[in-house]
């Protein structure tokens, strides 16, 4: 029985290896293809990840340059803002001094206008007095004109009388 059993086993073993090897080879081929595809996929993933990391590194380097440039611009802008702030402080101080001078000038002008108002009031009184004096002078001139007319008449009579003495024939009534 042992021989038969072992004969059957050897027949079974002899016939199995051909089918079993095919399945084994097919399984190995399939596993190899799956592994090759997995390695290819992993390789492509790693390649793309490396390329993306390189692009990201380039972007980060450019961003660092941009941040450095922006920091320089901010420092420059801060300096300019300090200059502008100082200019504003200086301008306000100068304007304050100018407004102080304007205030002093306005006070002086107000005092001078008060004096001018008093002077104009005085001048108005003087003009009133002068008007009265001119009225008196006009009266005096009118009187003087009357006196001169009287004097002219007297002188004309005197001239007539003197002419009569110079020419006695005229003294005769005929």
N, C-alpha and C. Protein backbone atom coordinates (compact mmCIF):
# COMPACT_ATOMS: atom_id res chain seq x y z
N UNK A 1 0.77 -1.17 0.00
CA UNK A 1 0.00 0.00 0.00
C UNK A 1 0.83 1.25 0.00
N UNK A 2 1.88 1.07 0.51
CA UNK A 2 2.74 2.22 0.53
C UNK A 2 3.23 2.53 -0.85
N UNK A 3 3.43 1.53 -1.63
CA UNK A 3 3.89 1.79 -2.96
C UNK A 3 2.81 2.44 -3.79
N UNK A 4 1.62 1.96 -3.61
CA UNK A 4 0.54 2.52 -4.38
C UNK A 4 0.28 3.95 -3.98
N UNK A 5 0.37 4.11 -2.74
CA UNK A 5 0.12 5.45 -2.27
C UNK A 5 1.22 6.34 -2.76
N UNK A 6 2.40 5.85 -2.68
CA UNK A 6 3.47 6.71 -3.12
C UNK A 6 3.46 6.84 -4.62
N UNK A 7 2.95 5.82 -5.35
CA UNK A 7 2.85 5.94 -6.80
C UNK A 7 1.81 6.94 -7.20
N UNK A 8 0.75 6.98 -6.46
CA UNK A 8 -0.29 7.95 -6.77
C UNK A 8 0.21 9.34 -6.50
N UNK A 9 0.95 9.45 -5.44
CA UNK A 9 1.45 10.77 -5.07
C UNK A 9 2.44 11.26 -6.09
N UNK A 10 3.24 10.37 -6.60
CA UNK A 10 4.20 10.84 -7.56
C UNK A 10 3.53 11.18 -8.87
N UNK A 11 2.48 10.51 -9.22
CA UNK A 11 1.76 10.88 -10.42
C UNK A 11 1.08 12.22 -10.25
N UNK A 12 0.54 12.41 -9.10
CA UNK A 12 -0.16 13.66 -8.82
C UNK A 12 0.84 14.81 -8.78
N UNK A 13 2.01 14.50 -8.21
CA UNK A 13 3.02 15.53 -8.14
C UNK A 13 3.58 15.80 -9.51
N UNK A 14 3.65 14.80 -10.35
CA UNK A 14 4.19 15.02 -11.67
C UNK A 14 3.22 15.80 -12.51
N UNK A 15 1.96 15.59 -12.32
CA UNK A 15 1.01 16.32 -13.13
C UNK A 15 0.71 17.70 -12.56
N UNK A 16 0.87 17.98 -11.30
CA UNK A 16 0.59 19.25 -10.67
C UNK A 16 1.63 20.30 -11.01
N UNK A 17 2.88 19.93 -11.07
CA UNK A 17 3.83 21.01 -11.27
C UNK A 17 3.57 21.80 -12.52
N UNK A 18 3.12 21.22 -13.59
CA UNK A 18 2.90 21.99 -14.81
C UNK A 18 1.78 22.98 -14.60
N UNK A 19 0.67 22.65 -14.02
CA UNK A 19 -0.44 23.57 -13.77
C UNK A 19 -0.13 24.47 -12.62
N UNK A 20 0.50 23.95 -11.66
CA UNK A 20 0.82 24.73 -10.48
C UNK A 20 1.88 25.76 -10.81
N UNK A 21 2.83 25.42 -11.64
CA UNK A 21 3.86 26.37 -12.05
C UNK A 21 3.26 27.50 -12.88
N UNK A 22 2.30 27.16 -13.69
CA UNK A 22 1.66 28.19 -14.51
C UNK A 22 0.95 29.22 -13.62
N UNK A 23 0.22 28.70 -12.66
CA UNK A 23 -0.49 29.59 -11.74
C UNK A 23 0.51 30.37 -10.91
N UNK A 24 1.55 29.65 -10.48
CA UNK A 24 2.58 30.30 -9.70
C UNK A 24 3.26 31.37 -10.53
N UNK A 25 3.59 31.06 -11.77
CA UNK A 25 4.24 32.03 -12.67
C UNK A 25 3.29 33.20 -12.96
N UNK A 26 2.02 32.87 -13.15
CA UNK A 26 1.03 33.92 -13.42
C UNK A 26 0.90 34.83 -12.20
N UNK A 27 0.89 34.23 -11.02
CA UNK A 27 0.79 35.01 -9.79
C UNK A 27 2.01 35.87 -9.62
N UNK A 28 3.18 35.27 -9.88
CA UNK A 28 4.41 36.03 -9.76
C UNK A 28 4.47 37.16 -10.80
N UNK A 29 4.04 36.87 -12.02
CA UNK A 29 4.03 37.89 -13.08
C UNK A 29 3.08 39.02 -12.72
N UNK A 30 1.92 38.63 -12.24
CA UNK A 30 0.94 39.63 -11.85
C UNK A 30 1.49 40.46 -10.70
N UNK A 31 2.06 39.80 -9.71
CA UNK A 31 2.64 40.51 -8.57
C UNK A 31 3.77 41.41 -9.03
N UNK A 32 4.60 40.87 -9.99
CA UNK A 32 5.70 41.69 -10.51
C UNK A 32 5.17 42.90 -11.27
N UNK A 33 4.12 42.71 -12.07
CA UNK A 33 3.53 43.83 -12.83
C UNK A 33 2.93 44.86 -11.86
N UNK A 34 2.23 44.35 -10.83
CA UNK A 34 1.64 45.27 -9.84
C UNK A 34 2.74 46.02 -9.11
N UNK A 35 3.83 45.29 -8.75
CA UNK A 35 4.95 45.95 -8.08
C UNK A 35 5.62 46.96 -9.00
N UNK A 36 5.77 46.61 -10.27
CA UNK A 36 6.38 47.53 -11.23
C UNK A 36 5.51 48.78 -11.38
N UNK A 37 4.19 48.55 -11.46
CA UNK A 37 3.29 49.71 -11.58
C UNK A 37 3.35 50.56 -10.31
N UNK A 38 3.40 49.87 -9.15
CA UNK A 38 3.48 50.61 -7.89
C UNK A 38 4.78 51.40 -7.82
N UNK A 39 5.91 50.75 -8.21
CA UNK A 39 7.19 51.46 -8.21
C UNK A 39 7.17 52.60 -9.22
N UNK A 40 6.56 52.37 -10.41
CA UNK A 40 6.46 53.44 -11.41
C UNK A 40 5.62 54.59 -10.86
N UNK A 41 4.47 54.25 -10.26
CA UNK A 41 3.61 55.29 -9.67
C UNK A 41 4.33 56.04 -8.57
N UNK A 42 5.05 55.27 -7.72
CA UNK A 42 5.81 55.90 -6.64
C UNK A 42 6.92 56.75 -7.22
N UNK A 43 7.58 56.27 -8.27
CA UNK A 43 8.64 57.05 -8.91
C UNK A 43 8.10 58.34 -9.50
N UNK A 44 6.96 58.23 -10.23
CA UNK A 44 6.34 59.44 -10.79
C UNK A 44 5.91 60.40 -9.68
N UNK A 45 5.33 59.85 -8.60
CA UNK A 45 4.92 60.68 -7.46
C UNK A 45 6.13 61.40 -6.87
N UNK A 46 7.23 60.65 -6.67
CA UNK A 46 8.44 61.24 -6.09
C UNK A 46 9.03 62.28 -7.04
N UNK A 47 9.02 61.99 -8.35
CA UNK A 47 9.55 62.95 -9.33
C UNK A 47 8.72 64.23 -9.29
N UNK A 48 7.40 64.11 -9.36
CA UNK A 48 6.52 65.28 -9.32
C UNK A 48 6.65 66.03 -7.99
N UNK A 49 6.76 65.26 -6.89
CA UNK A 49 6.93 65.91 -5.60
C UNK A 49 8.25 66.66 -5.55
N UNK A 50 9.32 66.09 -6.10
CA UNK A 50 10.61 66.77 -6.14
C UNK A 50 10.54 68.03 -6.98
N UNK A 51 9.89 67.93 -8.15
CA UNK A 51 9.73 69.11 -9.01
C UNK A 51 8.91 70.20 -8.30
N UNK A 52 7.81 69.78 -7.65
CA UNK A 52 6.98 70.73 -6.91
C UNK A 52 7.75 71.35 -5.75
N UNK A 53 8.55 70.54 -5.06
CA UNK A 53 9.36 71.06 -3.95
C UNK A 53 10.39 72.06 -4.47
N UNK A 54 10.98 71.78 -5.65
CA UNK A 54 11.93 72.72 -6.25
C UNK A 54 11.25 74.04 -6.59
N UNK A 55 10.04 73.93 -7.19
CA UNK A 55 9.30 75.16 -7.52
C UNK A 55 8.92 75.91 -6.25
N UNK A 56 8.53 75.16 -5.22
CA UNK A 56 8.15 75.80 -3.97
C UNK A 56 9.37 76.46 -3.32
N UNK A 57 10.53 75.80 -3.41
CA UNK A 57 11.75 76.38 -2.86
C UNK A 57 12.11 77.66 -3.60
N UNK A 58 11.98 77.64 -4.94
CA UNK A 58 12.23 78.85 -5.73
C UNK A 58 11.26 79.97 -5.32
N UNK A 59 10.00 79.61 -5.11
CA UNK A 59 9.00 80.60 -4.69
C UNK A 59 9.35 81.17 -3.32
N UNK A 60 9.79 80.28 -2.40
CA UNK A 60 10.13 80.75 -1.05
C UNK A 60 11.35 81.66 -1.11
N UNK A 61 12.35 81.31 -1.97
CA UNK A 61 13.53 82.17 -2.11
C UNK A 61 13.12 83.53 -2.67
N UNK A 62 12.26 83.53 -3.71
CA UNK A 62 11.79 84.80 -4.28
C UNK A 62 11.00 85.59 -3.24
N UNK A 63 10.19 84.88 -2.44
CA UNK A 63 9.42 85.55 -1.41
C UNK A 63 10.36 86.18 -0.39
N UNK A 64 11.45 85.48 -0.05
CA UNK A 64 12.44 86.05 0.86
C UNK A 64 13.06 87.31 0.28
N UNK A 65 13.39 87.27 -1.03
CA UNK A 65 13.94 88.47 -1.69
C UNK A 65 12.92 89.60 -1.66
N UNK A 66 11.65 89.27 -1.94
CA UNK A 66 10.60 90.29 -1.94
C UNK A 66 10.42 90.88 -0.54
N UNK A 67 10.46 90.02 0.47
CA UNK A 67 10.30 90.51 1.85
C UNK A 67 11.49 91.41 2.21
N UNK A 68 12.70 91.02 1.78
CA UNK A 68 13.88 91.84 2.05
C UNK A 68 13.74 93.20 1.35
N UNK A 69 13.29 93.18 0.09
CA UNK A 69 13.09 94.43 -0.65
C UNK A 69 12.01 95.28 0.02
N UNK A 70 10.93 94.60 0.46
CA UNK A 70 9.84 95.32 1.11
C UNK A 70 10.32 95.93 2.42
N UNK A 71 11.17 95.20 3.15
CA UNK A 71 11.71 95.74 4.40
C UNK A 71 12.55 96.98 4.13
N UNK A 72 13.37 96.93 3.05
CA UNK A 72 14.15 98.12 2.68
C UNK A 72 13.25 99.28 2.31
N UNK A 73 12.17 98.99 1.55
CA UNK A 73 11.22 100.04 1.17
C UNK A 73 10.54 100.62 2.40
N UNK A 74 10.20 99.75 3.35
CA UNK A 74 9.54 100.23 4.57
C UNK A 74 10.49 101.10 5.39
N UNK A 75 11.76 100.72 5.43
CA UNK A 75 12.74 101.54 6.15
C UNK A 75 12.88 102.91 5.48
N UNK A 76 12.94 102.89 4.15
CA UNK A 76 13.03 104.16 3.41
C UNK A 76 11.79 105.01 3.64
N UNK A 77 10.62 104.35 3.60
CA UNK A 77 9.37 105.08 3.81
C UNK A 77 9.31 105.63 5.22
N UNK A 78 9.79 104.85 6.21
CA UNK A 78 9.79 105.34 7.59
C UNK A 78 10.70 106.56 7.72
N UNK A 79 11.85 106.53 7.04
CA UNK A 79 12.75 107.69 7.06
C UNK A 79 12.08 108.91 6.44
N UNK A 80 11.41 108.68 5.33
CA UNK A 80 10.73 109.81 4.66
C UNK A 80 9.59 110.34 5.52
N UNK A 81 8.89 109.43 6.21
CA UNK A 81 7.81 109.87 7.08
C UNK A 81 8.37 110.68 8.25
N UNK A 82 9.54 110.29 8.75
CA UNK A 82 10.18 111.08 9.82
C UNK A 82 10.52 112.47 9.32
N UNK A 83 11.06 112.55 8.09
CA UNK A 83 11.38 113.86 7.51
C UNK A 83 10.10 114.69 7.36
N UNK A 84 9.03 114.03 6.88
CA UNK A 84 7.76 114.74 6.68
C UNK A 84 7.21 115.22 8.03
N UNK A 85 7.29 114.35 9.05
CA UNK A 85 6.79 114.75 10.37
C UNK A 85 7.60 115.92 10.91
N UNK A 86 8.93 115.87 10.75
CA UNK A 86 9.77 116.97 11.21
C UNK A 86 9.44 118.25 10.46
N UNK A 87 9.21 118.11 9.14
CA UNK A 87 8.83 119.28 8.34
C UNK A 87 7.51 119.87 8.82
N UNK A 88 6.57 118.99 9.16
CA UNK A 88 5.28 119.49 9.66
C UNK A 88 5.45 120.21 10.99
N UNK A 89 6.30 119.65 11.87
CA UNK A 89 6.55 120.31 13.16
C UNK A 89 7.19 121.67 12.93
N UNK A 90 8.22 121.69 12.05
CA UNK A 90 8.89 122.96 11.75
C UNK A 90 7.91 123.95 11.12
N UNK A 91 7.07 123.45 10.19
CA UNK A 91 6.09 124.32 9.53
C UNK A 91 5.09 124.89 10.52
N UNK A 92 4.63 124.04 11.46
CA UNK A 92 3.69 124.52 12.46
C UNK A 92 4.34 125.57 13.36
N UNK A 93 5.61 125.34 13.71
CA UNK A 93 6.31 126.33 14.55
C UNK A 93 6.45 127.65 13.79
N UNK A 94 6.83 127.57 12.50
CA UNK A 94 6.98 128.79 11.69
C UNK A 94 5.63 129.48 11.52
N UNK A 95 4.57 128.67 11.28
CA UNK A 95 3.24 129.27 11.14
C UNK A 95 2.80 129.93 12.44
N UNK A 96 3.11 129.28 13.59
CA UNK A 96 2.77 129.87 14.88
C UNK A 96 3.47 131.21 15.07
N UNK A 97 4.76 131.26 14.68
CA UNK A 97 5.50 132.52 14.79
C UNK A 97 4.89 133.57 13.85
N UNK A 98 4.53 133.13 12.62
CA UNK A 98 3.92 134.08 11.67
C UNK A 98 2.57 134.58 12.18
N UNK A 99 1.77 133.67 12.75
CA UNK A 99 0.47 134.09 13.28
C UNK A 99 0.66 135.03 14.47
N UNK A 100 1.71 134.80 15.27
CA UNK A 100 2.00 135.71 16.38
C UNK A 100 2.30 137.11 15.84
N UNK A 101 3.11 137.15 14.75
CA UNK A 101 3.41 138.45 14.12
C UNK A 101 2.15 139.08 13.54
N UNK A 102 1.29 138.25 12.93
CA UNK A 102 0.02 138.77 12.39
C UNK A 102 -0.83 139.35 13.53
N UNK A 103 -0.89 138.62 14.66
CA UNK A 103 -1.66 139.10 15.82
C UNK A 103 -1.10 140.44 16.30
N UNK A 104 0.24 140.53 16.40
CA UNK A 104 0.86 141.78 16.84
C UNK A 104 0.54 142.90 15.85
N UNK A 105 0.64 142.57 14.55
CA UNK A 105 0.31 143.57 13.53
C UNK A 105 -1.15 144.00 13.60
N UNK A 106 -2.05 143.03 13.85
CA UNK A 106 -3.47 143.37 13.96
C UNK A 106 -3.72 144.25 15.19
N UNK A 107 -3.04 143.93 16.31
CA UNK A 107 -3.20 144.76 17.50
C UNK A 107 -2.69 146.17 17.23
N UNK A 108 -1.54 146.26 16.58
CA UNK A 108 -0.98 147.57 16.24
C UNK A 108 -1.92 148.32 15.30
N UNK A 109 -2.43 147.60 14.31
CA UNK A 109 -3.35 148.24 13.36
C UNK A 109 -4.62 148.72 14.07
N UNK A 110 -5.12 147.91 15.02
CA UNK A 110 -6.31 148.31 15.76
C UNK A 110 -6.05 149.58 16.56
N UNK A 111 -4.87 149.62 17.23
CA UNK A 111 -4.50 150.84 17.99
C UNK A 111 -4.39 152.02 17.03
N UNK A 112 -3.71 151.81 15.89
CA UNK A 112 -3.55 152.90 14.91
C UNK A 112 -4.90 153.34 14.35
N UNK A 113 -5.81 152.36 14.13
CA UNK A 113 -7.13 152.74 13.62
C UNK A 113 -7.89 153.56 14.67
N UNK A 114 -7.71 153.21 15.97
CA UNK A 114 -8.34 154.00 17.04
C UNK A 114 -7.81 155.42 17.04
N UNK A 115 -6.46 155.52 16.91
CA UNK A 115 -5.87 156.86 16.85
C UNK A 115 -6.36 157.61 15.62
N UNK A 116 -6.43 156.90 14.48
CA UNK A 116 -6.88 157.54 13.24
C UNK A 116 -8.33 158.00 13.41
N UNK A 117 -9.15 157.19 14.08
CA UNK A 117 -10.54 157.58 14.31
C UNK A 117 -10.60 158.86 15.15
N UNK A 118 -9.77 158.91 16.21
CA UNK A 118 -9.73 160.14 17.03
C UNK A 118 -9.25 161.32 16.20
N UNK A 119 -8.19 161.07 15.39
CA UNK A 119 -7.67 162.15 14.55
C UNK A 119 -8.71 162.61 13.55
N UNK A 120 -9.48 161.66 13.00
CA UNK A 120 -10.52 162.06 12.03
C UNK A 120 -11.63 162.83 12.73
N UNK A 121 -11.95 162.43 13.98
CA UNK A 121 -12.94 163.19 14.75
C UNK A 121 -12.43 164.60 15.01
N UNK A 122 -11.14 164.70 15.39
CA UNK A 122 -10.54 166.01 15.61
C UNK A 122 -10.54 166.80 14.31
N UNK A 123 -10.19 166.12 13.19
CA UNK A 123 -10.16 166.81 11.90
C UNK A 123 -11.57 167.29 11.52
N UNK A 124 -12.57 166.46 11.82
CA UNK A 124 -13.95 166.86 11.54
C UNK A 124 -14.31 168.12 12.33
N UNK A 125 -13.91 168.16 13.62
CA UNK A 125 -14.15 169.36 14.42
C UNK A 125 -13.40 170.56 13.85
N UNK A 126 -12.13 170.32 13.45
CA UNK A 126 -11.35 171.41 12.86
C UNK A 126 -11.98 171.89 11.55
N UNK A 127 -12.50 170.93 10.76
CA UNK A 127 -13.14 171.33 9.50
C UNK A 127 -14.40 172.13 9.79
N UNK A 128 -15.13 171.73 10.87
CA UNK A 128 -16.31 172.51 11.26
C UNK A 128 -15.90 173.93 11.67
N UNK A 129 -14.83 174.01 12.48
CA UNK A 129 -14.33 175.34 12.88
C UNK A 129 -13.89 176.12 11.65
N UNK A 130 -13.17 175.41 10.72
CA UNK A 130 -12.69 176.08 9.52
C UNK A 130 -13.87 176.56 8.67
N UNK A 131 -14.93 175.75 8.64
CA UNK A 131 -16.11 176.16 7.88
C UNK A 131 -16.71 177.43 8.48
N UNK A 132 -16.76 177.45 9.82
CA UNK A 132 -17.26 178.67 10.47
C UNK A 132 -16.33 179.85 10.20
N UNK A 133 -15.03 179.57 10.29
CA UNK A 133 -14.06 180.64 10.02
C UNK A 133 -14.16 181.11 8.58
N UNK A 134 -14.38 180.17 7.66
CA UNK A 134 -14.52 180.56 6.25
C UNK A 134 -15.79 181.39 6.05
N UNK A 135 -16.84 181.05 6.80
CA UNK A 135 -18.07 181.85 6.71
C UNK A 135 -17.81 183.26 7.21
N UNK A 136 -17.07 183.35 8.35
CA UNK A 136 -16.71 184.66 8.88
C UNK A 136 -15.83 185.39 7.87
N UNK A 137 -14.88 184.64 7.27
CA UNK A 137 -13.98 185.26 6.30
C UNK A 137 -14.77 185.72 5.08
N UNK A 138 -15.75 184.95 4.67
CA UNK A 138 -16.58 185.38 3.53
C UNK A 138 -17.32 186.67 3.87
N UNK A 139 -17.80 186.75 5.13
CA UNK A 139 -18.46 187.99 5.55
C UNK A 139 -17.47 189.15 5.54
N UNK A 140 -16.25 188.86 6.03
CA UNK A 140 -15.22 189.91 6.07
C UNK A 140 -14.86 190.33 4.64
N UNK A 141 -14.76 189.33 3.75
CA UNK A 141 -14.45 189.66 2.35
C UNK A 141 -15.58 190.49 1.75
N UNK A 142 -16.81 190.14 2.08
CA UNK A 142 -17.95 190.93 1.57
C UNK A 142 -17.88 192.36 2.08
N UNK A 143 -17.56 192.50 3.37
CA UNK A 143 -17.40 193.85 3.94
C UNK A 143 -16.25 194.57 3.27
N UNK A 144 -15.13 193.82 3.07
CA UNK A 144 -13.97 194.43 2.43
C UNK A 144 -14.31 194.84 1.00
N UNK A 145 -15.09 194.01 0.30
CA UNK A 145 -15.50 194.38 -1.06
C UNK A 145 -16.33 195.66 -1.05
N UNK A 146 -17.22 195.73 -0.07
CA UNK A 146 -18.01 196.96 0.05
C UNK A 146 -17.12 198.15 0.35
N UNK A 147 -16.15 197.95 1.25
CA UNK A 147 -15.23 199.04 1.60
C UNK A 147 -14.39 199.43 0.39
N UNK A 148 -13.95 198.41 -0.38
CA UNK A 148 -13.14 198.71 -1.56
C UNK A 148 -13.99 199.45 -2.61
N UNK A 149 -15.25 199.08 -2.71
CA UNK A 149 -16.12 199.79 -3.66
C UNK A 149 -16.27 201.25 -3.23
N UNK A 150 -16.46 201.45 -1.94
CA UNK A 150 -16.57 202.81 -1.42
C UNK A 150 -15.26 203.55 -1.65
N UNK A 151 -14.14 202.85 -1.40
CA UNK A 151 -12.83 203.47 -1.59
C UNK A 151 -12.62 203.78 -3.08
N UNK A 152 -13.03 202.87 -3.94
CA UNK A 152 -12.90 203.12 -5.38
C UNK A 152 -13.70 204.36 -5.79
N UNK A 153 -14.91 204.47 -5.24
CA UNK A 153 -15.73 205.65 -5.54
C UNK A 153 -15.05 206.92 -5.04
N UNK A 154 -14.49 206.79 -3.81
CA UNK A 154 -13.80 207.96 -3.24
C UNK A 154 -12.59 208.30 -4.10
N UNK A 155 -11.85 207.29 -4.54
CA UNK A 155 -10.65 207.55 -5.33
C UNK A 155 -11.04 208.11 -6.69
N UNK A 156 -12.13 207.65 -7.23
CA UNK A 156 -12.59 208.18 -8.51
C UNK A 156 -12.96 209.67 -8.37
N UNK A 157 -13.61 210.01 -7.28
CA UNK A 157 -13.94 211.40 -7.05
C UNK A 157 -12.68 212.20 -6.82
N UNK A 158 -11.75 211.55 -6.09
CA UNK A 158 -10.48 212.24 -5.83
C UNK A 158 -9.74 212.47 -7.15
N UNK A 159 -9.75 211.47 -8.02
CA UNK A 159 -9.07 211.61 -9.31
C UNK A 159 -9.74 212.73 -10.12
N UNK A 160 -11.04 212.81 -10.03
CA UNK A 160 -11.77 213.87 -10.73
C UNK A 160 -11.37 215.24 -10.18
N UNK A 161 -11.29 215.25 -8.84
CA UNK A 161 -10.91 216.52 -8.22
C UNK A 161 -9.48 216.89 -8.58
N UNK A 162 -8.59 215.90 -8.62
CA UNK A 162 -7.19 216.17 -8.96
C UNK A 162 -7.11 216.62 -10.40
N UNK A 163 -7.88 216.01 -11.27
CA UNK A 163 -7.87 216.43 -12.68
C UNK A 163 -8.40 217.87 -12.83
N UNK A 164 -9.33 218.23 -11.98
CA UNK A 164 -9.84 219.60 -12.05
C UNK A 164 -8.74 220.58 -11.68
N UNK A 165 -7.94 220.20 -10.70
CA UNK A 165 -6.83 221.09 -10.33
C UNK A 165 -5.79 221.15 -11.43
N UNK A 166 -5.59 220.06 -12.11
CA UNK A 166 -4.59 220.04 -13.18
C UNK A 166 -5.11 220.82 -14.39
N UNK A 167 -6.36 220.94 -14.57
CA UNK A 167 -6.95 221.65 -15.71
C UNK A 167 -8.03 222.59 -15.15
N UNK A 168 -7.65 223.83 -14.79
CA UNK A 168 -8.60 224.72 -14.12
C UNK A 168 -9.78 225.11 -15.00
N UNK A 169 -9.66 224.96 -16.27
CA UNK A 169 -10.77 225.33 -17.14
C UNK A 169 -11.94 224.40 -16.92
N UNK A 170 -11.70 223.25 -16.46
CA UNK A 170 -12.76 222.29 -16.23
C UNK A 170 -13.54 222.62 -14.97
N UNK A 171 -12.93 223.45 -14.17
CA UNK A 171 -13.59 223.78 -12.92
C UNK A 171 -14.74 224.78 -13.16
N UNK A 172 -14.70 225.33 -14.27
CA UNK A 172 -15.77 226.32 -14.59
C UNK A 172 -17.07 225.55 -14.86
N UNK A 173 -18.12 226.07 -14.37
CA UNK A 173 -19.35 225.33 -14.51
C UNK A 173 -19.89 225.32 -15.95
N UNK A 174 -19.44 226.12 -16.78
CA UNK A 174 -19.98 226.11 -18.14
C UNK A 174 -19.24 225.28 -19.06
